[in-house]
């Protein structure tokens, strides 16, 4: 590749936006989607609104490079358990692919169905949405109260039940506490059944009981054998005021996501680390389908090893499935600047260019080598955003 062409491609990528959000102003003639709730009060009826249809593709489809990875794997043969508010098979994108443990086939809240859609929602005519692994199956397991009330004991029991029912990947709706004996016992069952457990590293929102001036309490440290996921938005950073966390392994899209609700075929929007965990669970399904010889521990290691380098690695579905690891030159250049949003992986490379210029001819040669290797991969994957993986401990925020 000529150096001038490489520089032109880099500049084009820096100017381009990472993808148009499906959440847009109604005055612009675009669809504004309703927000899926986390839980319902005793006075609220079950979620019955049908959502809204839109042909716009969510920003995550391009950012994750799903159109590049689907020719290799779509998750066929893998069951992903969603331990949360339940999962309805009412949406067309999930029809015929949801099994349920006990009463988890009913989702009064809609959150679990939304998560399941992010994981395994099928493409349907007229809509740009599809889940990460559109041919995977979903196992619905209740991990909260019927109205979404947090219940740590039920969450741990749900992980155990999901493993015992043969789920290859398990994701949960709330952080798991590594100090909880019931959680550790459930994870021992999951390990024995070769189930990969993916959990949010932070809560989806700060509890309403937290005062305006009181700092939010960080989520408990997850067990070391759980893949703990932190949420990021279209620019690769966490939303302002996002709930704090103690430890995380990887980041994934979790802000302004689009997915199905529990009724009919309309779409909703939602945010939170549990949704980033669902996206990661869908990616794990892609890997387990394409590489059935890998154990759960090996899939976990592969997701981390092939992720975009940063303070916290950023999920890369194509790299995880195809085994395309970042070369050393890209790994050195891909760390984002912690004081500003990062739109694309190569913004960090542009920053490093200034340093390489001072190194003279040797630096120029290294830059050309970097362009020749990293830019074709970035262009093929739609210039997905870079990630800011620092441990933000600021409180605040609210339900999506």
Protein backbone atom coordinates (compact mmCIF):
# COMPACT_ATOMS: atom_id res chain seq x y z
CA UNK A 1 0.00 0.00 0.00
CA UNK A 2 1.35 3.50 -0.88
CA UNK A 3 1.93 5.64 2.16
CA UNK A 4 -0.19 8.49 0.73
CA UNK A 5 -3.14 6.13 0.28
CA UNK A 6 -2.74 4.85 3.83
CA UNK A 7 -2.74 8.37 5.25
CA UNK A 8 -5.83 9.28 3.19
CA UNK A 9 -7.67 6.24 4.53
CA UNK A 10 -6.71 7.12 8.08
CA UNK A 11 -7.96 10.69 7.72
CA UNK A 12 -11.22 9.46 6.23
CA UNK A 13 -11.72 7.12 9.17
CA UNK A 14 -11.04 9.83 11.71
CA UNK A 15 -13.64 12.11 10.14
CA UNK A 16 -16.35 9.47 9.73
CA UNK A 17 -18.78 8.78 12.53
CA UNK A 18 -18.92 5.21 13.90
CA UNK A 19 -22.48 4.60 12.76
CA UNK A 20 -25.87 6.30 12.94
CA UNK A 21 -27.81 5.74 16.14
CA UNK A 22 -31.30 4.35 15.83
CA UNK A 23 -32.21 6.81 18.57
CA UNK A 24 -32.84 10.01 16.68
CA UNK A 25 -34.94 13.13 16.83
CA UNK A 26 -38.50 12.62 15.61
CA UNK A 27 -38.33 16.00 13.90
CA UNK A 28 -35.71 14.54 11.56
CA UNK A 29 -38.22 11.95 10.42
CA UNK A 30 -36.50 9.06 12.20
CA UNK A 31 -37.88 6.64 14.74
CA UNK A 32 -37.44 7.28 18.47
CA UNK A 33 -37.48 3.96 20.31
CA UNK A 34 -38.89 3.43 23.81
CA UNK A 35 -36.55 2.47 26.66
CA UNK A 36 -36.83 -1.07 28.02
CA UNK A 37 -37.23 -1.06 31.84
CA UNK A 38 -34.94 -2.79 34.33
CA UNK A 39 -37.71 -3.55 36.80
CA UNK A 40 -41.34 -2.64 37.50
CA UNK A 41 -42.95 -1.29 40.64
CA UNK A 42 -45.90 -3.06 42.21
CA UNK A 43 -48.17 -0.45 40.67
CA UNK A 44 -46.91 -0.91 37.12
CA UNK A 45 -48.53 -3.34 34.72
CA UNK A 46 -46.42 -5.77 32.74
CA UNK A 47 -44.70 -4.23 29.71
CA UNK A 48 -47.22 -4.39 26.87
CA UNK A 49 -46.12 -1.67 24.45
CA UNK A 50 -45.10 -3.23 21.13
CA UNK A 51 -42.07 -1.04 20.51
CA UNK A 52 -41.45 0.53 17.12
CA UNK A 53 -40.18 -0.80 13.82
CA UNK A 54 -37.14 0.73 12.15
CA UNK A 55 -35.06 -0.25 9.15
CA UNK A 56 -31.98 1.55 10.52
CA UNK A 57 -29.12 -0.77 11.47
CA UNK A 58 -27.96 -0.21 15.08
CA UNK A 59 -24.51 1.30 15.52
CA UNK A 60 -23.32 -1.96 17.07
CA UNK A 61 -23.73 -3.91 13.83
CA UNK A 62 -20.99 -1.91 12.17
CA UNK A 63 -18.89 -1.36 15.31
CA UNK A 64 -18.73 -5.10 15.99
CA UNK A 65 -18.16 -6.03 12.35
CA UNK A 66 -21.04 -8.51 12.40
CA UNK A 67 -21.45 -8.59 8.63
CA UNK A 68 -17.84 -9.79 8.39
CA UNK A 69 -18.12 -12.50 11.05
CA UNK A 70 -21.53 -13.97 10.08
CA UNK A 71 -20.20 -15.78 6.98
CA UNK A 72 -17.99 -17.72 9.41
CA UNK A 73 -20.35 -18.30 12.34
CA UNK A 74 -23.85 -17.39 13.46
CA UNK A 75 -23.92 -19.43 16.66
CA UNK A 76 -25.67 -22.53 15.32
CA UNK A 77 -25.70 -25.42 17.79
CA UNK A 78 -24.96 -23.29 20.87
CA UNK A 79 -27.44 -22.56 23.67
CA UNK A 80 -27.05 -19.32 25.61
CA UNK A 81 -28.83 -19.02 28.95
CA UNK A 82 -30.22 -15.65 30.00
CA UNK A 83 -30.60 -15.58 33.79
CA UNK A 84 -32.82 -12.61 34.54
CA UNK A 85 -36.43 -11.47 34.20
CA UNK A 86 -37.41 -14.27 31.81
CA UNK A 87 -37.57 -14.40 28.03
CA UNK A 88 -40.65 -14.26 25.84
CA UNK A 89 -40.66 -15.97 22.45
CA UNK A 90 -43.33 -13.54 21.26
CA UNK A 91 -40.93 -11.39 19.18
CA UNK A 92 -40.46 -12.73 15.68
CA UNK A 93 -36.68 -12.47 16.02
CA UNK A 94 -36.75 -15.15 18.77
CA UNK A 95 -39.69 -17.29 17.65
CA UNK A 96 -39.07 -21.01 17.94
CA UNK A 97 -35.65 -20.69 19.56
CA UNK A 98 -36.46 -20.10 23.24
CA UNK A 99 -36.59 -22.85 25.85
CA UNK A 100 -37.48 -22.01 29.44
CA UNK A 101 -36.87 -23.40 32.92
CA UNK A 102 -40.07 -23.37 34.99
CA UNK A 103 -41.90 -20.01 34.59
CA UNK A 104 -39.04 -18.15 32.88
CA UNK A 105 -40.85 -18.29 29.53
CA UNK A 106 -42.86 -15.26 30.67
CA UNK A 107 -41.19 -11.84 30.84
CA UNK A 108 -43.30 -9.25 32.60
CA UNK A 109 -40.52 -6.64 32.53
CA UNK A 110 -39.04 -7.08 29.06
CA UNK A 111 -35.39 -6.83 30.08
CA UNK A 112 -34.56 -10.51 29.65
CA UNK A 113 -36.20 -10.62 26.22
CA UNK A 114 -34.17 -7.57 25.22
CA UNK A 115 -30.97 -9.31 26.36
CA UNK A 116 -31.91 -12.48 24.48
CA UNK A 117 -32.50 -10.44 21.34
CA UNK A 118 -29.07 -8.86 21.60
CA UNK A 119 -27.61 -12.36 21.79
CA UNK A 120 -29.63 -14.31 19.24
CA UNK A 121 -32.19 -12.09 17.50
CA UNK A 122 -32.68 -13.16 13.88
CA UNK A 123 -32.70 -10.72 10.97
CA UNK A 124 -36.23 -10.01 9.76
CA UNK A 125 -37.42 -8.27 6.57
CA UNK A 126 -37.59 -4.50 6.84
CA UNK A 127 -35.50 -4.20 10.00
CA UNK A 128 -31.79 -3.50 10.30
CA UNK A 129 -31.53 -5.19 13.70
CA UNK A 130 -30.09 -8.65 14.33
CA UNK A 131 -28.47 -10.24 17.35
CA UNK A 132 -24.79 -11.13 17.53
CA UNK A 133 -25.41 -14.88 17.09
CA UNK A 134 -28.70 -15.07 15.15
CA UNK A 135 -28.76 -18.88 14.93
CA UNK A 136 -28.07 -19.61 18.60
CA UNK A 137 -30.77 -20.92 20.93
CA UNK A 138 -31.85 -19.20 24.14
CA UNK A 139 -32.50 -20.84 27.51
CA UNK A 140 -34.61 -18.60 29.74
CA UNK A 141 -33.87 -18.93 33.47
CA UNK A 142 -35.37 -16.73 36.15
CA UNK A 143 -32.76 -14.84 38.18
CA UNK A 144 -34.91 -12.02 39.58
CA UNK A 145 -38.39 -11.59 40.95
CA UNK A 146 -41.21 -11.61 38.42
CA UNK A 147 -41.14 -7.80 38.31
CA UNK A 148 -37.35 -7.66 38.08
CA UNK A 149 -36.69 -7.36 41.82
CA UNK A 150 -33.01 -8.09 42.58
CA UNK A 151 -32.56 -11.48 44.25
CA UNK A 152 -28.92 -12.64 44.69
CA UNK A 153 -29.95 -16.11 45.88
CA UNK A 154 -32.21 -16.63 42.86
CA UNK A 155 -29.48 -15.33 40.56
CA UNK A 156 -27.00 -17.89 41.88
CA UNK A 157 -29.59 -20.66 41.63
CA UNK A 158 -30.28 -19.56 38.06
CA UNK A 159 -26.62 -19.97 37.09
CA UNK A 160 -26.65 -23.50 38.51
CA UNK A 161 -29.90 -24.38 36.72
CA UNK A 162 -28.62 -23.00 33.42
CA UNK A 163 -25.48 -25.14 33.63
CA UNK A 164 -27.47 -28.23 34.60
CA UNK A 165 -29.73 -27.70 31.57
CA UNK A 166 -26.74 -27.75 29.23
CA UNK A 167 -26.17 -24.09 28.33
CA UNK A 168 -22.78 -23.59 26.69
CA UNK A 169 -22.80 -19.88 27.61
CA UNK A 170 -24.57 -18.25 30.56
CA UNK A 171 -25.16 -14.53 31.04
CA UNK A 172 -26.81 -12.87 34.02
CA UNK A 173 -28.67 -9.62 34.55
CA UNK A 174 -26.68 -8.36 37.57
CA UNK A 175 -23.10 -8.49 38.85
CA UNK A 176 -22.03 -11.67 40.65
CA UNK A 177 -20.38 -11.39 44.06
CA UNK A 178 -17.21 -13.46 44.27
CA UNK A 179 -17.51 -13.57 48.07
CA UNK A 180 -20.97 -15.21 47.98
CA UNK A 181 -20.81 -18.93 48.80
CA UNK A 182 -23.93 -19.69 46.75
CA UNK A 183 -22.37 -17.97 43.73
CA UNK A 184 -19.13 -19.91 44.10
CA UNK A 185 -21.05 -23.18 44.39
CA UNK A 186 -23.07 -22.38 41.27
CA UNK A 187 -19.90 -21.53 39.36
CA UNK A 188 -18.39 -24.86 40.39
CA UNK A 189 -21.34 -26.57 38.72
CA UNK A 190 -20.90 -24.37 35.63
CA UNK A 191 -17.22 -25.31 35.45
CA UNK A 192 -18.04 -29.01 35.75
CA UNK A 193 -20.60 -28.67 32.93
CA UNK A 194 -18.17 -26.64 30.78
CA UNK A 195 -20.40 -23.55 30.73
CA UNK A 196 -18.85 -20.12 30.23
CA UNK A 197 -20.37 -17.54 32.61
CA UNK A 198 -20.47 -13.91 31.39
CA UNK A 199 -21.59 -11.25 33.86
CA UNK A 200 -21.80 -7.45 34.02
CA UNK A 201 -18.97 -5.80 35.95
CA UNK A 202 -21.27 -2.99 37.10
CA UNK A 203 -24.93 -2.42 37.79
CA UNK A 204 -27.06 -1.09 34.96
CA UNK A 205 -28.07 1.95 37.01
CA UNK A 206 -27.55 3.51 40.41
CA UNK A 207 -30.29 2.53 42.91
CA UNK A 208 -32.93 5.19 43.42
CA UNK A 209 -32.19 5.08 47.16
CA UNK A 210 -28.76 6.64 46.53
CA UNK A 211 -28.91 10.34 47.36
CA UNK A 212 -27.79 13.00 44.94
CA UNK A 213 -24.67 13.79 47.02
CA UNK A 214 -23.92 10.25 48.15
CA UNK A 215 -21.32 8.32 46.14
CA UNK A 216 -22.66 5.19 44.47
CA UNK A 217 -21.34 1.92 45.80
CA UNK A 218 -19.21 -0.04 43.38
CA UNK A 219 -20.41 -3.45 42.27
CA UNK A 220 -18.77 -6.34 44.15
CA UNK A 221 -15.68 -7.94 42.67
CA UNK A 222 -16.76 -10.76 40.35
CA UNK A 223 -15.33 -14.26 40.73
CA UNK A 224 -12.08 -14.72 38.81
CA UNK A 225 -13.51 -17.45 36.55
CA UNK A 226 -16.40 -15.22 35.41
CA UNK A 227 -15.88 -13.05 32.32
CA UNK A 228 -16.77 -9.62 33.71
CA UNK A 229 -17.89 -7.08 31.09
CA UNK A 230 -18.05 -3.29 31.25
CA UNK A 231 -20.29 -1.20 29.00
CA UNK A 232 -19.16 1.38 26.45
CA UNK A 233 -21.00 3.61 23.98
CA UNK A 234 -20.63 4.52 20.29
CA UNK A 235 -17.39 6.42 20.95
CA UNK A 236 -15.80 3.66 22.99
CA UNK A 237 -16.21 5.37 26.37
CA UNK A 238 -18.54 4.75 29.28
CA UNK A 239 -21.56 7.05 29.62
CA UNK A 240 -21.21 10.00 32.00
CA UNK A 241 -22.26 9.00 35.51
CA UNK A 242 -22.17 5.27 34.77
CA UNK A 243 -22.30 3.08 37.90
CA UNK A 244 -18.86 2.28 39.34
CA UNK A 245 -17.23 -1.13 39.31
CA UNK A 246 -14.53 -3.00 41.19
CA UNK A 247 -13.00 -5.22 38.51
CA UNK A 248 -13.65 -5.91 34.83
CA UNK A 249 -12.02 -8.12 32.20
CA UNK A 250 -13.26 -6.68 28.90
CA UNK A 251 -15.48 -3.95 27.45
CA UNK A 252 -18.30 -4.28 24.93
CA UNK A 253 -21.06 -2.06 23.50
CA UNK A 254 -23.67 -1.43 26.17
CA UNK A 255 -25.03 2.08 25.65
CA UNK A 256 -27.94 3.03 23.37
CA UNK A 257 -28.41 -0.54 22.16
CA UNK A 258 -31.40 -1.70 20.10
CA UNK A 259 -33.31 -4.94 20.67
CA UNK A 260 -36.75 -6.53 20.91
CA UNK A 261 -39.31 -6.17 23.66
CA UNK A 262 -41.51 -8.97 25.04
CA UNK A 263 -44.45 -8.22 22.75
CA UNK A 264 -44.75 -8.45 18.96
CA UNK A 265 -41.95 -7.34 16.63
CA UNK A 266 -41.20 -3.76 17.67
CA UNK A 267 -37.79 -2.59 18.86
CA UNK A 268 -36.67 -0.90 22.05
CA UNK A 269 -33.48 0.72 23.30
CA UNK A 270 -31.52 0.07 26.48
CA UNK A 271 -28.23 0.70 28.23
CA UNK A 272 -26.16 -0.97 30.91
CA UNK A 273 -23.35 -3.40 31.64
CA UNK A 274 -25.75 -6.37 31.60
CA UNK A 275 -26.46 -5.58 27.96
CA UNK A 276 -22.73 -5.44 27.22
CA UNK A 277 -22.50 -8.86 28.88
CA UNK A 278 -25.26 -10.12 26.57
CA UNK A 279 -23.35 -8.88 23.52
CA UNK A 280 -20.25 -10.67 24.80
CA UNK A 281 -22.24 -13.84 25.46
CA UNK A 282 -23.43 -13.74 21.85
CA UNK A 283 -19.82 -13.46 20.72
CA UNK A 284 -18.91 -16.44 22.90
CA UNK A 285 -21.66 -18.39 21.10
CA UNK A 286 -20.08 -17.50 17.75
CA UNK A 287 -16.75 -18.83 18.98
CA UNK A 288 -18.19 -22.03 20.49
CA UNK A 289 -20.06 -22.74 17.27
CA UNK A 290 -17.02 -22.20 15.03
CA UNK A 291 -14.55 -23.86 17.42
CA UNK A 292 -16.54 -26.64 19.16
CA UNK A 293 -13.31 -28.25 20.34
CA UNK A 294 -12.60 -25.34 22.73
CA UNK A 295 -13.52 -25.56 26.40
CA UNK A 296 -15.32 -22.75 28.20
CA UNK A 297 -12.03 -21.63 29.76
CA UNK A 298 -10.36 -21.60 26.34
CA UNK A 299 -13.20 -19.53 24.86
CA UNK A 300 -12.81 -17.03 27.69
CA UNK A 301 -9.07 -16.81 27.07
CA UNK A 302 -9.61 -16.43 23.32
CA UNK A 303 -12.07 -13.55 23.76
CA UNK A 304 -9.48 -11.72 25.86
CA UNK A 305 -6.48 -12.59 23.70
CA UNK A 306 -8.04 -11.39 20.45
CA UNK A 307 -9.63 -8.23 21.84
CA UNK A 308 -8.52 -4.73 20.89
CA UNK A 309 -5.66 -3.73 23.24
CA UNK A 310 -6.48 -1.05 25.82
CA UNK A 311 -6.41 -0.58 29.59
CA UNK A 312 -9.35 -2.97 29.39
CA UNK A 313 -9.45 -5.05 26.19
CA UNK A 314 -12.35 -4.26 23.85
CA UNK A 315 -14.43 -7.08 22.38
CA UNK A 316 -13.62 -8.07 18.79
CA UNK A 317 -16.02 -10.74 17.46
CA UNK A 318 -14.22 -11.24 14.14
CA UNK A 319 -10.87 -11.59 15.83
CA UNK A 320 -12.29 -14.05 18.36
CA UNK A 321 -13.84 -16.27 15.68
CA UNK A 322 -11.17 -16.02 12.98
CA UNK A 323 -8.24 -15.93 15.39
CA UNK A 324 -6.91 -12.68 13.96
CA UNK A 325 -4.75 -11.36 16.77
CA UNK A 326 -3.47 -7.79 16.80
CA UNK A 327 0.18 -7.57 15.67
CA UNK A 328 2.71 -6.00 18.00
CA UNK A 329 2.77 -2.70 16.10
CA UNK A 330 -1.01 -2.33 16.43
CA UNK A 331 -0.95 -3.34 20.09
CA UNK A 332 1.58 -0.59 20.81
CA UNK A 333 -0.44 2.05 18.97
CA UNK A 334 -3.98 1.16 19.96
CA UNK A 335 -4.04 2.37 23.59
CA UNK A 336 -6.54 5.26 23.72
CA UNK A 337 -5.92 8.59 25.35
CA UNK A 338 -7.73 8.47 28.75
CA UNK A 339 -8.71 12.15 28.67
CA UNK A 340 -10.78 12.28 25.50
CA UNK A 341 -13.37 10.11 23.74
CA UNK A 342 -12.04 7.70 21.15
CA UNK A 343 -14.04 7.26 17.95
CA UNK A 344 -11.93 4.68 16.13
CA UNK A 345 -9.10 2.30 16.96
CA UNK A 346 -6.65 4.22 14.78
CA UNK A 347 -7.02 7.58 16.57
CA UNK A 348 -4.40 6.32 18.99
CA UNK A 349 -2.20 5.44 16.01
CA UNK A 350 -2.50 9.02 14.76
CA UNK A 351 -1.35 10.28 18.16
CA UNK A 352 1.66 7.97 18.07
CA UNK A 353 2.60 9.24 14.62
CA UNK A 354 3.89 12.47 16.18
CA UNK A 355 6.22 10.45 18.36
CA UNK A 356 7.43 8.34 15.48
CA UNK A 357 8.37 11.42 13.44
CA UNK A 358 11.01 12.31 16.04
CA UNK A 359 12.56 8.89 15.62
CA UNK A 360 13.62 9.66 12.03
CA UNK A 361 13.78 7.14 9.24
CA UNK A 362 13.29 4.16 11.55
CA UNK A 363 10.05 5.63 12.82
CA UNK A 364 8.74 6.22 9.30
CA UNK A 365 9.43 2.60 8.39
CA UNK A 366 7.54 1.39 11.47
CA UNK A 367 4.58 3.64 10.61
CA UNK A 368 4.39 2.30 7.04
CA UNK A 369 4.46 -1.26 8.38
CA UNK A 370 1.66 -0.42 10.79
CA UNK A 371 -0.51 1.03 7.98
CA UNK A 372 0.10 -1.98 5.78
CA UNK A 373 -1.11 -4.43 8.45
CA UNK A 374 -3.67 -2.66 10.60
CA UNK A 375 -5.59 -0.39 8.23
CA UNK A 376 -6.86 -3.08 5.82
CA UNK A 377 -8.28 -4.99 8.80
CA UNK A 378 -9.83 -1.84 10.24
CA UNK A 379 -11.36 -0.87 6.89
CA UNK A 380 -12.81 -4.38 6.39
CA UNK A 381 -14.47 -4.22 9.81
CA UNK A 382 -16.09 -0.84 9.31
CA UNK A 383 -13.65 1.26 11.44
CA UNK A 384 -15.04 0.13 14.77
CA UNK A 385 -14.58 2.54 17.66
CA UNK A 386 -11.67 2.33 20.05
CA UNK A 387 -12.29 1.64 23.71
CA UNK A 388 -11.54 3.48 26.93
CA UNK A 389 -11.22 0.75 29.52
CA UNK A 390 -10.23 2.64 32.65
CA UNK A 391 -11.97 1.96 35.94
CA UNK A 392 -14.31 4.92 36.29
CA UNK A 393 -15.49 5.08 39.88
CA UNK A 394 -17.92 7.96 39.53
CA UNK A 395 -21.40 7.43 40.83
CA UNK A 396 -24.69 8.68 39.47
CA UNK A 397 -26.70 7.65 36.47
CA UNK A 398 -30.13 6.20 36.17
CA UNK A 399 -32.15 3.50 34.56
CA UNK A 400 -32.14 3.53 30.74
